[in-house]
N, C-alpha and C. Protein backbone atom coordinates (compact mmCIF):
# COMPACT_ATOMS: atom_id res chain seq x y z
N MET A 1 -55.56 -9.07 -63.11
CA MET A 1 -54.44 -8.77 -63.96
C MET A 1 -53.52 -9.99 -64.06
N THR A 2 -52.89 -10.07 -65.18
CA THR A 2 -51.92 -11.16 -65.34
C THR A 2 -50.59 -10.71 -64.76
N ARG A 3 -49.71 -11.64 -64.58
CA ARG A 3 -48.37 -11.33 -64.05
C ARG A 3 -47.67 -10.28 -64.92
N ARG A 4 -47.80 -10.44 -66.24
CA ARG A 4 -47.17 -9.49 -67.16
C ARG A 4 -47.78 -8.09 -66.99
N ASP A 5 -49.10 -8.02 -66.84
CA ASP A 5 -49.75 -6.73 -66.63
C ASP A 5 -49.31 -6.11 -65.31
N ASP A 6 -49.19 -6.94 -64.28
CA ASP A 6 -48.73 -6.45 -62.99
C ASP A 6 -47.32 -5.87 -63.10
N GLN A 7 -46.45 -6.56 -63.82
CA GLN A 7 -45.08 -6.09 -63.99
C GLN A 7 -45.05 -4.76 -64.74
N ALA A 8 -45.88 -4.63 -65.76
CA ALA A 8 -45.93 -3.38 -66.52
C ALA A 8 -46.44 -2.24 -65.65
N TRP A 9 -47.45 -2.51 -64.85
CA TRP A 9 -48.00 -1.50 -63.96
C TRP A 9 -46.96 -1.07 -62.93
N LEU A 10 -46.28 -2.04 -62.33
CA LEU A 10 -45.24 -1.73 -61.34
C LEU A 10 -44.10 -0.94 -61.98
N ALA A 11 -43.72 -1.31 -63.20
CA ALA A 11 -42.66 -0.59 -63.90
C ALA A 11 -43.06 0.86 -64.15
N GLY A 12 -44.32 1.07 -64.55
CA GLY A 12 -44.82 2.43 -64.76
C GLY A 12 -44.84 3.25 -63.49
N LEU A 13 -45.26 2.62 -62.40
CA LEU A 13 -45.28 3.31 -61.11
C LEU A 13 -43.86 3.64 -60.66
N ALA A 14 -42.94 2.70 -60.85
CA ALA A 14 -41.53 2.95 -60.50
C ALA A 14 -40.97 4.11 -61.31
N GLU A 15 -41.33 4.18 -62.58
CA GLU A 15 -40.86 5.28 -63.43
C GLU A 15 -41.39 6.62 -62.94
N THR A 16 -42.66 6.65 -62.56
CA THR A 16 -43.25 7.88 -62.03
C THR A 16 -42.57 8.29 -60.73
N LEU A 17 -42.35 7.33 -59.84
CA LEU A 17 -41.70 7.65 -58.56
C LEU A 17 -40.25 8.10 -58.78
N THR A 18 -39.60 7.56 -59.79
CA THR A 18 -38.24 7.99 -60.10
C THR A 18 -38.22 9.45 -60.53
N GLU A 19 -39.20 9.85 -61.33
CA GLU A 19 -39.30 11.26 -61.74
C GLU A 19 -39.58 12.16 -60.53
N VAL A 20 -40.47 11.70 -59.65
CA VAL A 20 -40.76 12.47 -58.44
C VAL A 20 -39.50 12.59 -57.59
N ASP A 21 -38.76 11.49 -57.46
CA ASP A 21 -37.52 11.48 -56.69
C ASP A 21 -36.52 12.49 -57.27
N GLU A 22 -36.38 12.49 -58.59
CA GLU A 22 -35.45 13.42 -59.23
C GLU A 22 -35.84 14.87 -58.95
N PHE A 23 -37.14 15.15 -59.02
CA PHE A 23 -37.59 16.51 -58.72
C PHE A 23 -37.34 16.87 -57.26
N LEU A 24 -37.69 15.97 -56.35
CA LEU A 24 -37.53 16.26 -54.93
C LEU A 24 -36.06 16.46 -54.55
N ARG A 25 -35.15 15.80 -55.26
CA ARG A 25 -33.72 15.95 -54.98
C ARG A 25 -33.13 17.21 -55.60
N SER A 26 -33.89 17.88 -56.47
CA SER A 26 -33.42 19.14 -57.05
C SER A 26 -33.46 20.22 -55.96
N PRO A 27 -32.66 21.27 -56.12
CA PRO A 27 -32.71 22.35 -55.12
C PRO A 27 -34.12 22.91 -54.90
N ALA A 28 -34.87 23.10 -55.99
CA ALA A 28 -36.22 23.66 -55.86
C ALA A 28 -37.15 22.68 -55.15
N GLY A 29 -37.04 21.40 -55.49
CA GLY A 29 -37.90 20.40 -54.86
C GLY A 29 -37.61 20.25 -53.38
N HIS A 30 -36.33 20.19 -53.05
CA HIS A 30 -35.97 20.05 -51.63
C HIS A 30 -36.39 21.29 -50.85
N ALA A 31 -36.21 22.46 -51.43
CA ALA A 31 -36.63 23.70 -50.76
C ALA A 31 -38.14 23.72 -50.54
N ALA A 32 -38.90 23.27 -51.54
CA ALA A 32 -40.36 23.24 -51.40
C ALA A 32 -40.78 22.29 -50.30
N LEU A 33 -40.15 21.12 -50.24
CA LEU A 33 -40.47 20.17 -49.17
C LEU A 33 -40.07 20.72 -47.81
N ASN A 34 -38.91 21.34 -47.75
CA ASN A 34 -38.45 21.94 -46.50
C ASN A 34 -39.46 22.98 -46.02
N ASP A 35 -39.92 23.84 -46.93
CA ASP A 35 -40.93 24.85 -46.58
C ASP A 35 -42.23 24.19 -46.14
N PHE A 36 -42.63 23.15 -46.83
CA PHE A 36 -43.86 22.43 -46.49
C PHE A 36 -43.80 21.91 -45.05
N TYR A 37 -42.69 21.23 -44.72
CA TYR A 37 -42.58 20.69 -43.36
C TYR A 37 -42.45 21.80 -42.32
N ALA A 38 -41.77 22.89 -42.65
CA ALA A 38 -41.66 24.01 -41.72
C ALA A 38 -43.04 24.61 -41.44
N THR A 39 -43.84 24.75 -42.50
CA THR A 39 -45.19 25.29 -42.34
C THR A 39 -46.05 24.40 -41.45
N ARG A 40 -45.80 23.10 -41.51
CA ARG A 40 -46.56 22.15 -40.67
C ARG A 40 -46.06 22.13 -39.24
N GLY A 41 -45.00 22.89 -38.95
CA GLY A 41 -44.50 22.98 -37.58
C GLY A 41 -43.42 21.97 -37.23
N SER A 42 -42.80 21.38 -38.22
CA SER A 42 -41.74 20.42 -37.96
C SER A 42 -40.57 21.10 -37.26
N ILE A 43 -39.98 20.42 -36.29
CA ILE A 43 -38.81 20.98 -35.61
C ILE A 43 -37.53 20.75 -36.42
N SER A 44 -37.59 19.85 -37.39
CA SER A 44 -36.43 19.62 -38.27
C SER A 44 -36.93 19.36 -39.70
N PRO A 45 -37.39 20.41 -40.37
CA PRO A 45 -37.98 20.22 -41.69
C PRO A 45 -37.02 19.63 -42.72
N GLY A 46 -35.75 19.97 -42.66
CA GLY A 46 -34.79 19.42 -43.61
C GLY A 46 -34.64 17.92 -43.44
N PHE A 47 -34.62 17.47 -42.20
CA PHE A 47 -34.52 16.04 -41.90
C PHE A 47 -35.76 15.31 -42.40
N ASP A 48 -36.94 15.88 -42.12
CA ASP A 48 -38.19 15.27 -42.58
C ASP A 48 -38.25 15.22 -44.10
N ALA A 49 -37.80 16.29 -44.75
CA ALA A 49 -37.78 16.32 -46.21
C ALA A 49 -36.85 15.24 -46.74
N GLY A 50 -35.68 15.12 -46.16
CA GLY A 50 -34.74 14.08 -46.58
C GLY A 50 -35.29 12.68 -46.41
N ASN A 51 -35.98 12.45 -45.29
CA ASN A 51 -36.58 11.12 -45.07
C ASN A 51 -37.62 10.78 -46.13
N LEU A 52 -38.46 11.76 -46.47
CA LEU A 52 -39.48 11.51 -47.50
C LEU A 52 -38.83 11.26 -48.86
N ILE A 53 -37.83 12.06 -49.18
CA ILE A 53 -37.13 11.88 -50.45
C ILE A 53 -36.52 10.48 -50.53
N ASP A 54 -35.87 10.07 -49.45
CA ASP A 54 -35.28 8.72 -49.44
C ASP A 54 -36.34 7.64 -49.54
N ALA A 55 -37.46 7.83 -48.87
CA ALA A 55 -38.54 6.83 -48.93
C ALA A 55 -39.06 6.68 -50.37
N VAL A 56 -39.21 7.80 -51.06
CA VAL A 56 -39.66 7.76 -52.46
C VAL A 56 -38.63 7.02 -53.31
N GLY A 57 -37.36 7.36 -53.13
CA GLY A 57 -36.30 6.73 -53.92
C GLY A 57 -36.19 5.23 -53.67
N PHE A 58 -36.24 4.83 -52.39
CA PHE A 58 -36.14 3.41 -52.07
C PHE A 58 -37.37 2.63 -52.54
N THR A 59 -38.54 3.27 -52.49
CA THR A 59 -39.75 2.62 -52.98
C THR A 59 -39.67 2.42 -54.49
N ALA A 60 -39.17 3.42 -55.21
CA ALA A 60 -39.00 3.29 -56.66
C ALA A 60 -38.03 2.15 -56.98
N LEU A 61 -36.93 2.08 -56.23
CA LEU A 61 -35.96 1.01 -56.45
C LEU A 61 -36.59 -0.36 -56.19
N TRP A 62 -37.33 -0.49 -55.12
CA TRP A 62 -37.99 -1.76 -54.78
C TRP A 62 -38.99 -2.16 -55.87
N LEU A 63 -39.75 -1.18 -56.36
CA LEU A 63 -40.73 -1.47 -57.40
C LEU A 63 -40.06 -1.90 -58.70
N ARG A 64 -38.93 -1.26 -59.04
CA ARG A 64 -38.20 -1.68 -60.24
C ARG A 64 -37.76 -3.13 -60.11
N GLY A 65 -37.34 -3.54 -58.92
CA GLY A 65 -36.96 -4.93 -58.70
C GLY A 65 -38.14 -5.87 -58.83
N LYS A 66 -39.30 -5.46 -58.35
CA LYS A 66 -40.50 -6.28 -58.46
C LYS A 66 -40.99 -6.39 -59.90
N ALA A 67 -40.79 -5.32 -60.68
CA ALA A 67 -41.29 -5.30 -62.05
C ALA A 67 -40.36 -6.05 -63.00
N ALA A 68 -39.10 -6.19 -62.63
CA ALA A 68 -38.14 -6.86 -63.52
C ALA A 68 -38.40 -8.35 -63.54
N PRO A 69 -38.30 -8.96 -64.70
CA PRO A 69 -38.47 -10.41 -64.77
C PRO A 69 -37.41 -11.10 -63.92
N GLN A 70 -37.82 -12.05 -63.16
CA GLN A 70 -36.91 -12.76 -62.27
C GLN A 70 -36.23 -13.90 -63.03
N ALA A 71 -34.94 -14.03 -62.84
CA ALA A 71 -34.21 -15.15 -63.45
C ALA A 71 -34.60 -16.44 -62.75
N ARG A 72 -34.83 -17.45 -63.52
CA ARG A 72 -35.21 -18.74 -62.95
C ARG A 72 -33.95 -19.56 -62.70
N HIS A 73 -33.90 -20.14 -61.53
CA HIS A 73 -32.77 -20.99 -61.17
C HIS A 73 -33.15 -22.44 -61.42
N SER A 74 -32.27 -23.19 -62.10
CA SER A 74 -32.60 -24.58 -62.37
C SER A 74 -31.98 -25.50 -61.36
């Protein structure tokens, strides 16, 4: 892939993760994650859900930074 193709791919992935992040931060998304972790036997499902949500959000932010054209310093 070329650099431009890589940037487009990263931007698309960041957009997808942003949508996932928005869903997970909704009451229904957070409740579903909380239930998921509780079913797996987590002792603090809300904390685990919050950590995953934050990881998705921070990864999306990092990818947006990687996909953005970098300013060249002269």
